[in-house]
C-alpha atoms as a PDB file:
ATOM      1  CA  UNK A   1     -53.908 -38.487 -75.130  1.00  0.00           C
ATOM      2  CA  UNK A   2     -53.429 -36.106 -72.022  1.00  0.00           C
ATOM      3  CA  UNK A   3     -53.123 -32.236 -72.345  1.00  0.00           C
ATOM      4  CA  UNK A   4     -50.002 -31.177 -70.684  1.00  0.00           C
ATOM      5  CA  UNK A   5     -51.657 -27.777 -69.230  1.00  0.00           C
ATOM      6  CA  UNK A   6     -53.713 -27.222 -65.890  1.00  0.00           C
ATOM      7  CA  UNK A   7     -53.770 -29.165 -62.605  1.00  0.00           C
ATOM      8  CA  UNK A   8     -57.410 -30.641 -62.942  1.00  0.00           C
ATOM      9  CA  UNK A   9     -57.266 -34.233 -64.143  1.00  0.00           C
ATOM     10  CA  UNK A  10     -60.445 -33.438 -66.156  1.00  0.00           C
ATOM     11  CA  UNK A  11     -58.626 -30.507 -68.008  1.00  0.00           C
ATOM     12  CA  UNK A  12     -55.814 -32.937 -68.708  1.00  0.00           C
ATOM     13  CA  UNK A  13     -58.047 -35.474 -70.477  1.00  0.00           C
ATOM     14  CA  UNK A  14     -58.440 -34.727 -73.921  1.00  0.00           C
ATOM     15  CA  UNK A  15     -62.071 -34.143 -75.320  1.00  0.00           C
ATOM     16  CA  UNK A  16     -61.581 -34.242 -78.979  1.00  0.00           C
ATOM     17  CA  UNK A  17     -63.175 -37.335 -80.101  1.00  0.00           C
ATOM     18  CA  UNK A  18     -64.731 -38.688 -83.159  1.00  0.00           C
ATOM     19  CA  UNK A  19     -66.955 -35.889 -83.532  1.00  0.00           C
ATOM     20  CA  UNK A  20     -64.266 -33.115 -82.871  1.00  0.00           C
ATOM     21  CA  UNK A  21     -63.825 -31.240 -79.604  1.00  0.00           C
ATOM     22  CA  UNK A  22     -66.599 -31.881 -77.335  1.00  0.00           C
ATOM     23  CA  UNK A  23     -69.160 -29.383 -76.156  1.00  0.00           C
ATOM     24  CA  UNK A  24     -72.149 -29.710 -73.382  1.00  0.00           C
ATOM     25  CA  UNK A  25     -74.525 -30.115 -76.110  1.00  0.00           C
ATOM     26  CA  UNK A  26     -72.513 -32.946 -77.699  1.00  0.00           C
ATOM     27  CA  UNK A  27     -72.234 -34.672 -74.489  1.00  0.00           C
ATOM     28  CA  UNK A  28     -76.067 -34.478 -73.879  1.00  0.00           C
ATOM     29  CA  UNK A  29     -76.838 -35.490 -77.267  1.00  0.00           C
ATOM     30  CA  UNK A  30     -74.545 -38.356 -76.952  1.00  0.00           C
ATOM     31  CA  UNK A  31     -76.193 -39.440 -73.557  1.00  0.00           C
ATOM     32  CA  UNK A  32     -79.606 -39.183 -75.131  1.00  0.00           C
ATOM     33  CA  UNK A  33     -78.685 -41.524 -77.857  1.00  0.00           C
ATOM     34  CA  UNK A  34     -77.100 -43.933 -75.888  1.00  0.00           C
ATOM     35  CA  UNK A  35     -80.076 -44.066 -73.398  1.00  0.00           C
ATOM     36  CA  UNK A  36     -82.538 -44.146 -76.328  1.00  0.00           C
ATOM     37  CA  UNK A  37     -80.824 -47.201 -77.709  1.00  0.00           C
ATOM     38  CA  UNK A  38     -79.906 -49.334 -74.625  1.00  0.00           C
ATOM     39  CA  UNK A  39     -81.673 -47.729 -71.697  1.00  0.00           C
ATOM     40  CA  UNK A  40     -80.827 -45.698 -68.620  1.00  0.00           C
ATOM     41  CA  UNK A  41     -78.841 -48.734 -67.069  1.00  0.00           C
ATOM     42  CA  UNK A  42     -76.239 -48.549 -69.921  1.00  0.00           C
ATOM     43  CA  UNK A  43     -75.435 -44.818 -69.035  1.00  0.00           C
ATOM     44  CA  UNK A  44     -71.911 -44.161 -67.043  1.00  0.00           C
ATOM     45  CA  UNK A  45     -69.110 -41.758 -67.645  1.00  0.00           C
ATOM     46  CA  UNK A  46     -67.108 -44.456 -68.837  1.00  0.00           C
ATOM     47  CA  UNK A  47     -69.495 -45.874 -71.423  1.00  0.00           C
ATOM     48  CA  UNK A  48     -70.405 -42.391 -72.739  1.00  0.00           C
ATOM     49  CA  UNK A  49     -66.713 -41.403 -72.970  1.00  0.00           C
ATOM     50  CA  UNK A  50     -66.259 -44.688 -75.243  1.00  0.00           C
ATOM     51  CA  UNK A  51     -69.381 -43.728 -77.269  1.00  0.00           C
ATOM     52  CA  UNK A  52     -67.797 -40.171 -78.071  1.00  0.00           C
ATOM     53  CA  UNK A  53     -64.290 -41.804 -78.416  1.00  0.00           C
ATOM     54  CA  UNK A  54     -62.994 -39.584 -75.290  1.00  0.00           C
ATOM     55  CA  UNK A  55     -61.464 -40.422 -72.031  1.00  0.00           C
ATOM     56  CA  UNK A  56     -64.117 -40.554 -69.447  1.00  0.00           C
ATOM     57  CA  UNK A  57     -62.513 -37.920 -67.540  1.00  0.00           C
ATOM     58  CA  UNK A  58     -62.918 -35.436 -70.330  1.00  0.00           C
ATOM     59  CA  UNK A  59     -66.711 -35.361 -69.811  1.00  0.00           C
ATOM     60  CA  UNK A  60     -66.443 -33.998 -66.321  1.00  0.00           C
ATOM     61  CA  UNK A  61     -65.785 -30.642 -67.794  1.00  0.00           C
ATOM     62  CA  UNK A  62     -69.517 -30.843 -68.894  1.00  0.00           C
ATOM     63  CA  UNK A  63     -71.150 -32.811 -66.309  1.00  0.00           C
ATOM     64  CA  UNK A  64     -69.855 -33.009 -62.715  1.00  0.00           C
ATOM     65  CA  UNK A  65     -70.946 -36.849 -62.403  1.00  0.00           C
ATOM     66  CA  UNK A  66     -73.696 -39.211 -63.258  1.00  0.00           C
ATOM     67  CA  UNK A  67     -76.330 -37.245 -61.421  1.00  0.00           C
ATOM     68  CA  UNK A  68     -75.431 -34.384 -63.558  1.00  0.00           C
ATOM     69  CA  UNK A  69     -75.644 -36.345 -66.645  1.00  0.00           C
ATOM     70  CA  UNK A  70     -79.164 -37.703 -65.588  1.00  0.00           C
ATOM     71  CA  UNK A  71     -80.262 -33.901 -64.890  1.00  0.00           C
ATOM     72  CA  UNK A  72     -78.763 -33.169 -68.414  1.00  0.00           C
ATOM     73  CA  UNK A  73     -80.997 -35.866 -70.044  1.00  0.00           C
ATOM     74  CA  UNK A  74     -84.075 -34.097 -68.527  1.00  0.00           C
ATOM     75  CA  UNK A  75     -82.733 -30.859 -69.534  1.00  0.00           C
ATOM     76  CA  UNK A  76     -82.314 -32.129 -73.118  1.00  0.00           C
ATOM     77  CA  UNK A  77     -85.902 -33.361 -73.276  1.00  0.00           C
ATOM     78  CA  UNK A  78     -87.211 -30.009 -72.051  1.00  0.00           C
ATOM     79  CA  UNK A  79     -85.153 -28.547 -74.557  1.00  0.00           C
ATOM     80  CA  UNK A  80     -86.741 -30.560 -77.488  1.00  0.00           C
ATOM     81  CA  UNK A  81     -89.910 -29.762 -75.943  1.00  0.00           C
ATOM     82  CA  UNK A  82     -89.508 -25.902 -76.196  1.00  0.00           C
ATOM     83  CA  UNK A  83     -88.220 -26.565 -79.757  1.00  0.00           C
ATOM     84  CA  UNK A  84     -91.274 -28.365 -80.828  1.00  0.00           C
ATOM     85  CA  UNK A  85     -93.222 -25.720 -79.185  1.00  0.00           C
ATOM     86  CA  UNK A  86     -91.619 -23.028 -81.256  1.00  0.00           C
ATOM     87  CA  UNK A  87     -91.838 -24.615 -84.465  1.00  0.00           C
ATOM     88  CA  UNK A  88     -95.010 -26.386 -84.388  1.00  0.00           C
ATOM     89  CA  UNK A  89     -98.579 -25.273 -85.335  1.00  0.00           C
ATOM     90  CA  UNK A  90    -100.120 -22.653 -83.314  1.00  0.00           C
ATOM     91  CA  UNK A  91     -96.551 -21.152 -82.360  1.00  0.00           C
ATOM     92  CA  UNK A  92     -97.376 -17.976 -83.661  1.00  0.00           C
ATOM     93  CA  UNK A  93    -101.163 -17.796 -82.672  1.00  0.00           C
ATOM     94  CA  UNK A  94    -100.895 -14.926 -79.971  1.00  0.00           C
ATOM     95  CA  UNK A  95    -104.738 -15.203 -79.641  1.00  0.00           C
ATOM     96  CA  UNK A  96    -104.935 -18.862 -78.711  1.00  0.00           C
ATOM     97  CA  UNK A  97    -106.704 -19.374 -75.416  1.00  0.00           C
ATOM     98  CA  UNK A  98    -104.937 -20.644 -72.399  1.00  0.00           C
ATOM     99  CA  UNK A  99    -106.796 -23.968 -72.855  1.00  0.00           C
ATOM    100  CA  UNK A 100    -105.681 -24.315 -76.323  1.00  0.00           C
ATOM    101  CA  UNK A 101    -102.012 -23.614 -75.205  1.00  0.00           C
ATOM    102  CA  UNK A 102    -102.147 -26.211 -72.166  1.00  0.00           C
ATOM    103  CA  UNK A 103    -103.521 -28.737 -74.902  1.00  0.00           C
ATOM    104  CA  UNK A 104    -100.659 -27.729 -77.181  1.00  0.00           C
ATOM    105  CA  UNK A 105     -97.942 -28.257 -74.364  1.00  0.00           C
ATOM    106  CA  UNK A 106     -99.528 -31.462 -73.174  1.00  0.00           C
ATOM    107  CA  UNK A 107     -99.599 -32.967 -76.744  1.00  0.00           C
ATOM    108  CA  UNK A 108     -96.011 -32.027 -77.427  1.00  0.00           C
ATOM    109  CA  UNK A 109     -94.731 -33.175 -74.018  1.00  0.00           C
ATOM    110  CA  UNK A 110     -96.541 -36.816 -74.875  1.00  0.00           C
ATOM    111  CA  UNK A 111     -94.841 -36.746 -78.316  1.00  0.00           C
ATOM    112  CA  UNK A 112     -91.446 -35.912 -76.797  1.00  0.00           C
ATOM    113  CA  UNK A 113     -91.692 -38.633 -74.160  1.00  0.00           C
ATOM    114  CA  UNK A 114     -93.025 -41.173 -76.553  1.00  0.00           C
ATOM    115  CA  UNK A 115     -89.951 -40.480 -78.553  1.00  0.00           C
ATOM    116  CA  UNK A 116     -87.527 -40.892 -75.359  1.00  0.00           C
ATOM    117  CA  UNK A 117     -89.368 -43.400 -73.452  1.00  0.00           C
ATOM    118  CA  UNK A 118     -86.306 -44.498 -71.245  1.00  0.00           C
ATOM    119  CA  UNK A 119     -85.632 -41.015 -70.314  1.00  0.00           C
ATOM    120  CA  UNK A 120     -89.313 -40.323 -68.897  1.00  0.00           C
ATOM    121  CA  UNK A 121     -88.780 -42.065 -65.324  1.00  0.00           C
ATOM    122  CA  UNK A 122     -86.129 -39.006 -64.880  1.00  0.00           C
ATOM    123  CA  UNK A 123     -88.908 -36.391 -65.279  1.00  0.00           C
ATOM    124  CA  UNK A 124     -90.277 -38.155 -61.699  1.00  0.00           C
ATOM    125  CA  UNK A 125     -87.042 -39.207 -59.911  1.00  0.00           C
ATOM    126  CA  UNK A 126     -84.777 -36.097 -60.607  1.00  0.00           C
ATOM    127  CA  UNK A 127     -87.543 -33.624 -59.843  1.00  0.00           C
ATOM    128  CA  UNK A 128     -87.722 -35.575 -56.372  1.00  0.00           C
ATOM    129  CA  UNK A 129     -83.921 -35.156 -56.093  1.00  0.00           C
ATOM    130  CA  UNK A 130     -83.476 -31.810 -57.143  1.00  0.00           C
ATOM    131  CA  UNK A 131     -84.901 -28.574 -55.396  1.00  0.00           C
ATOM    132  CA  UNK A 132     -86.818 -26.167 -57.616  1.00  0.00           C
ATOM    133  CA  UNK A 133     -84.134 -23.404 -57.981  1.00  0.00           C
ATOM    134  CA  UNK A 134     -81.384 -26.070 -59.100  1.00  0.00           C
ATOM    135  CA  UNK A 135     -83.485 -27.495 -61.997  1.00  0.00           C
ATOM    136  CA  UNK A 136     -82.483 -27.081 -65.344  1.00  0.00           C
ATOM    137  CA  UNK A 137     -83.192 -23.655 -66.623  1.00  0.00           C
ATOM    138  CA  UNK A 138     -85.244 -25.454 -69.630  1.00  0.00           C
ATOM    139  CA  UNK A 139     -87.359 -26.899 -66.960  1.00  0.00           C
ATOM    140  CA  UNK A 140     -87.989 -23.734 -65.107  1.00  0.00           C
ATOM    141  CA  UNK A 141     -88.946 -21.994 -68.373  1.00  0.00           C
ATOM    142  CA  UNK A 142     -91.339 -24.788 -68.844  1.00  0.00           C
ATOM    143  CA  UNK A 143     -92.882 -24.273 -65.409  1.00  0.00           C
ATOM    144  CA  UNK A 144     -93.042 -20.429 -66.314  1.00  0.00           C
ATOM    145  CA  UNK A 145     -94.752 -21.138 -69.506  1.00  0.00           C
ATOM    146  CA  UNK A 146     -97.477 -23.229 -67.947  1.00  0.00           C
ATOM    147  CA  UNK A 147     -97.967 -20.795 -64.908  1.00  0.00           C
ATOM    148  CA  UNK A 148     -98.257 -17.815 -67.270  1.00  0.00           C
ATOM    149  CA  UNK A 149    -101.133 -19.388 -69.119  1.00  0.00           C
ATOM    150  CA  UNK A 150    -102.825 -20.320 -65.724  1.00  0.00           C
ATOM    151  CA  UNK A 151    -102.907 -16.637 -64.920  1.00  0.00           C
ATOM    152  CA  UNK A 152    -104.821 -15.685 -68.027  1.00  0.00           C
ATOM    153  CA  UNK A 153    -107.365 -18.284 -66.979  1.00  0.00           C
ATOM    154  CA  UNK A 154    -108.323 -15.872 -64.170  1.00  0.00           C
ATOM    155  CA  UNK A 155    -107.108 -17.921 -61.236  1.00  0.00           C
ATOM    156  CA  UNK A 156    -105.805 -16.442 -57.897  1.00  0.00           C
ATOM    157  CA  UNK A 157    -102.313 -17.666 -56.397  1.00  0.00           C
ATOM    158  CA  UNK A 158    -103.932 -20.710 -54.664  1.00  0.00           C
ATOM    159  CA  UNK A 159    -105.741 -21.642 -57.792  1.00  0.00           C
ATOM    160  CA  UNK A 160    -102.859 -21.273 -60.082  1.00  0.00           C
ATOM    161  CA  UNK A 161    -100.762 -23.586 -57.972  1.00  0.00           C
ATOM    162  CA  UNK A 162    -103.830 -26.128 -57.569  1.00  0.00           C
ATOM    163  CA  UNK A 163    -104.116 -26.244 -61.281  1.00  0.00           C
ATOM    164  CA  UNK A 164    -100.270 -26.370 -62.026  1.00  0.00           C
ATOM    165  CA  UNK A 165     -99.979 -29.363 -59.786  1.00  0.00           C
ATOM    166  CA  UNK A 166    -102.996 -30.991 -61.235  1.00  0.00           C
ATOM    167  CA  UNK A 167    -101.879 -30.355 -64.770  1.00  0.00           C
ATOM    168  CA  UNK A 168     -98.533 -31.733 -64.305  1.00  0.00           C
ATOM    169  CA  UNK A 169     -99.686 -34.602 -62.217  1.00  0.00           C
ATOM    170  CA  UNK A 170    -102.326 -35.638 -64.989  1.00  0.00           C
ATOM    171  CA  UNK A 171     -99.805 -35.085 -67.774  1.00  0.00           C
ATOM    172  CA  UNK A 172     -96.687 -36.980 -66.159  1.00  0.00           C
ATOM    173  CA  UNK A 173     -99.106 -39.640 -64.556  1.00  0.00           C
ATOM    174  CA  UNK A 174    -100.730 -40.331 -67.972  1.00  0.00           C
ATOM    175  CA  UNK A 175     -97.498 -40.730 -70.008  1.00  0.00           C
ATOM    176  CA  UNK A 176     -96.041 -42.961 -67.221  1.00  0.00           C
ATOM    177  CA  UNK A 177     -99.141 -45.359 -67.504  1.00  0.00           C
ATOM    178  CA  UNK A 178     -98.847 -45.347 -71.306  1.00  0.00           C
ATOM    179  CA  UNK A 179     -95.145 -46.526 -70.997  1.00  0.00           C
ATOM    180  CA  UNK A 180     -95.971 -49.215 -68.308  1.00  0.00           C
ATOM    181  CA  UNK A 181     -94.916 -52.699 -69.929  1.00  0.00           C
ATOM    182  CA  UNK A 182     -97.913 -54.920 -70.445  1.00  0.00           C
ATOM    183  CA  UNK A 183     -96.759 -57.621 -73.000  1.00  0.00           C
ATOM    184  CA  UNK A 184     -95.435 -60.817 -71.267  1.00  0.00           C
ATOM    185  CA  UNK A 185     -94.289 -62.744 -74.120  1.00  0.00           C
ATOM    186  CA  UNK A 186     -93.970 -60.765 -77.438  1.00  0.00           C
ATOM    187  CA  UNK A 187     -93.766 -64.054 -79.485  1.00  0.00           C
ATOM    188  CA  UNK A 188     -97.064 -65.246 -78.543  1.00  0.00           C
ATOM    189  CA  UNK A 189    -100.043 -64.668 -80.768  1.00  0.00           C
ATOM    190  CA  UNK A 190    -102.807 -65.348 -78.609  1.00  0.00           C
ATOM    191  CA  UNK A 191    -103.515 -62.145 -76.651  1.00  0.00           C
ATOM    192  CA  UNK A 192    -104.161 -64.059 -73.300  1.00  0.00           C
ATOM    193  CA  UNK A 193    -100.750 -65.588 -73.571  1.00  0.00           C
ATOM    194  CA  UNK A 194     -99.244 -62.472 -74.982  1.00  0.00           C
ATOM    195  CA  UNK A 195    -100.241 -60.630 -71.931  1.00  0.00           C
ATOM    196  CA  UNK A 196     -99.440 -63.509 -69.473  1.00  0.00           C
ATOM    197  CA  UNK A 197    -103.076 -63.798 -68.158  1.00  0.00           C
ATOM    198  CA  UNK A 198    -102.298 -67.189 -67.226  1.00  0.00           C
ATOM    199  CA  UNK A 199     -99.944 -66.131 -64.305  1.00  0.00           C
ATOM    200  CA  UNK A 200    -102.894 -64.237 -62.875  1.00  0.00           C
ATOM    201  CA  UNK A 201    -105.011 -66.371 -60.491  1.00  0.00           C
ATOM    202  CA  UNK A 202    -108.719 -66.066 -61.789  1.00  0.00           C
ATOM    203  CA  UNK A 203    -110.182 -66.278 -58.359  1.00  0.00           C
ATOM    204  CA  UNK A 204    -108.239 -63.303 -57.221  1.00  0.00           C
ATOM    205  CA  UNK A 205    -107.929 -61.125 -60.180  1.00  0.00           C
ATOM    206  CA  UNK A 206    -110.917 -61.375 -62.219  1.00  0.00           C
ATOM    207  CA  UNK A 207    -111.477 -57.785 -63.066  1.00  0.00           C
ATOM    208  CA  UNK A 208    -107.628 -57.211 -63.995  1.00  0.00           C
ATOM    209  CA  UNK A 209    -107.772 -60.373 -66.295  1.00  0.00           C
ATOM    210  CA  UNK A 210    -110.876 -59.194 -68.194  1.00  0.00           C
ATOM    211  CA  UNK A 211    -109.754 -55.537 -68.599  1.00  0.00           C
ATOM    212  CA  UNK A 212    -105.968 -56.378 -69.119  1.00  0.00           C
ATOM    213  CA  UNK A 213    -106.708 -56.371 -73.004  1.00  0.00           C
ATOM    214  CA  UNK A 214    -108.192 -52.804 -73.142  1.00  0.00           C
ATOM    215  CA  UNK A 215    -105.663 -51.883 -70.567  1.00  0.00           C
ATOM    216  CA  UNK A 216    -102.706 -52.942 -73.005  1.00  0.00           C
ATOM    217  CA  UNK A 217    -103.844 -50.462 -75.480  1.00  0.00           C
ATOM    218  CA  UNK A 218    -102.440 -47.128 -75.345  1.00  0.00           C
ATOM    219  CA  UNK A 219    -104.878 -44.307 -74.948  1.00  0.00           C
ATOM    220  CA  UNK A 220    -102.758 -42.179 -77.050  1.00  0.00           C
ATOM    221  CA  UNK A 221    -102.999 -38.221 -77.196  1.00  0.00           C
ATOM    222  CA  UNK A 222    -106.742 -38.472 -77.633  1.00  0.00           C
ATOM    223  CA  UNK A 223    -106.822 -39.936 -74.167  1.00  0.00           C
ATOM    224  CA  UNK A 224    -104.449 -37.392 -72.745  1.00  0.00           C
ATOM    225  CA  UNK A 225    -106.881 -34.587 -74.300  1.00  0.00           C
ATOM    226  CA  UNK A 226    -109.928 -35.857 -73.029  1.00  0.00           C
ATOM    227  CA  UNK A 227    -108.724 -36.345 -69.608  1.00  0.00           C
ATOM    228  CA  UNK A 228    -107.080 -32.916 -69.596  1.00  0.00           C
ATOM    229  CA  UNK A 229    -110.295 -31.230 -70.571  1.00  0.00           C
ATOM    230  CA  UNK A 230    -112.204 -32.900 -67.849  1.00  0.00           C
ATOM    231  CA  UNK A 231    -109.719 -31.499 -65.391  1.00  0.00           C
ATOM    232  CA  UNK A 232    -109.731 -27.758 -66.884  1.00  0.00           C
ATOM    233  CA  UNK A 233    -113.487 -27.827 -66.752  1.00  0.00           C
ATOM    234  CA  UNK A 234    -113.496 -28.200 -63.028  1.00  0.00           C
ATOM    235  CA  UNK A 235    -110.739 -25.175 -62.478  1.00  0.00           C
ATOM    236  CA  UNK A 236    -112.455 -23.061 -65.246  1.00  0.00           C
ATOM    237  CA  UNK A 237    -115.705 -23.417 -63.219  1.00  0.00           C
ATOM    238  CA  UNK A 238    -113.685 -22.296 -59.970  1.00  0.00           C
ATOM    239  CA  UNK A 239    -112.291 -19.460 -61.742  1.00  0.00           C
ATOM    240  CA  UNK A 240    -115.932 -18.223 -63.073  1.00  0.00           C
ATOM    241  CA  UNK A 241    -117.115 -18.611 -59.518  1.00  0.00           C
ATOM    242  CA  UNK A 242    -114.179 -16.339 -58.281  1.00  0.00           C
ATOM    243  CA  UNK A 243    -115.077 -13.908 -60.610  1.00  0.00           C
ATOM    244  CA  UNK A 244    -118.665 -13.831 -59.968  1.00  0.00           C
ATOM    245  CA  UNK A 245    -120.121 -11.025 -57.664  1.00  0.00           C
END
């Protein structure tokens, strides 16, 4: 159906689908559900419109195009993260140390990303394409949350920026490594054939072949925390040195 009012084609396209009239939240939720189920390659305005039972043109009221949908998926992840942090253990602990809070943020981010693995690549690719001031507000609020904690650590501007970069790099890097595919043939029971080690020349890759079974096991939230502690120890010492006379 096409509405008769307005000159904008997007305004003429009906946005009343199987879930009632659309909203930005419903569009992003539908996009996230589609990507969770079928991966990023399945996402298009036409396909999402079909999922929501509306004309694709109706979606342009809520996302200007494919890039805006991708940014919306990043926004949806950070909104879920904010909700998890607000409702999770420790949310009301105003006396928690900055390190405890960073660990809580890291673990919640890990859990959200594990729940939406197909969206995780966007946390890097869209941030490479979108300048700071144009990132979704939910992303900027997450930056603000982390920076506020780093100020509590007693770091100066340079130290705060350095630890922010290091924290972000460790967190997103760790999650990306966790999600790298390792299994070559899931139908194989033998670990070597399951990982496809027979495809790797033993004379050229002896260490990789030897370590691959261990690499195929995820480090989990515990591995994330251990690496984060090592990182924070280094910067905590720097903060103490700055504070000493």
